[in-house]
Amino acid sequence: MQILPVSTPKIRPYDDLSSILVNALPRLEEKSIVVITSKIISLCEGAIADPHTITKDDLVKREAEAFIYCERYAMYLTKKHGVLLPSAGIDESNAEGYYVLYPRDILKSVNTLGMWLKEHYGVHDLGVIISDSHTTPMRRGVLGLGLCWHGFHPLYSYVGKPDCFGRPLQMTHINLLDALATSAVLCMGEGNEQTPLAIIQNAPKVTFHNQMTSQEDYLALCIGGEEDLYGPILHATTWETLH
């Protein structure tokens, strides 16, 4: 598998995303996956907030699906897009003084982008991942996260396949979406690299398709309730919500 980080100029609110991509991306090959950080989509779409008009705490509560306050760190742990995130994904870095939110309709954003890239570059099999970074319990540091995808199946199932001793596996799936996002974000960086794009080629176990990612597809990737191994921990606290 090869990963090519792609540089861009500094991106500001309401810049034209298609122009940025045309000027930055090389020729895309069949079966490539383009990873794009959610921040530049949000900036180009204008999914931002002025800190002079709303506090970050109020913004987090508004944007989160549910939240709990972590007093030790004076911040909120939130549920958003089916994952746990600090501050509902709202970011202030590389944002020129704005709060940057997630894209307003992330499914529409990823599907529109995927179809446009296929048409513009004349490719049939192409994946797109909208990425961000997040933290994981009991580990220091951040990892890449796939917020949404287009053009490929996000899971690879080992169910029914034998292990090294011939025993059929019962439950194992590989989360390709987050595995690919993590690899790309490692190459893209978190600071002043100005590489908010990456191209992945020859990714193993990926099956491409030409269907739009639906809300049902998105929900099928998420796990909750009694299925979730970590459910007892998540349900042991009282989550607040404004919705």
Foldseek 3Di string as FASTA:
>chain_A
DDKFFWFFPQAAAQDDPVVRCVVIDDQDDAPKEKEFEQQNVQRNVVQWAACVVDPLVVVLQVLFQWWDADVVVRWIFGAELQDIATSQQWDDPSHVRITGHGPPDVLVVQQVVVVVSCVVNVYDQYKYFHKDWGDDPPDDDIFIAGSDMDFWQQKFDQAQPADPVGHGDHDDIDRNRRVVRRVNDVVQDDHPSNRRMMMDPPDPPIDGDHDRCDPVSSVVVHDADPVDPCHVVVVVDDIDHPD
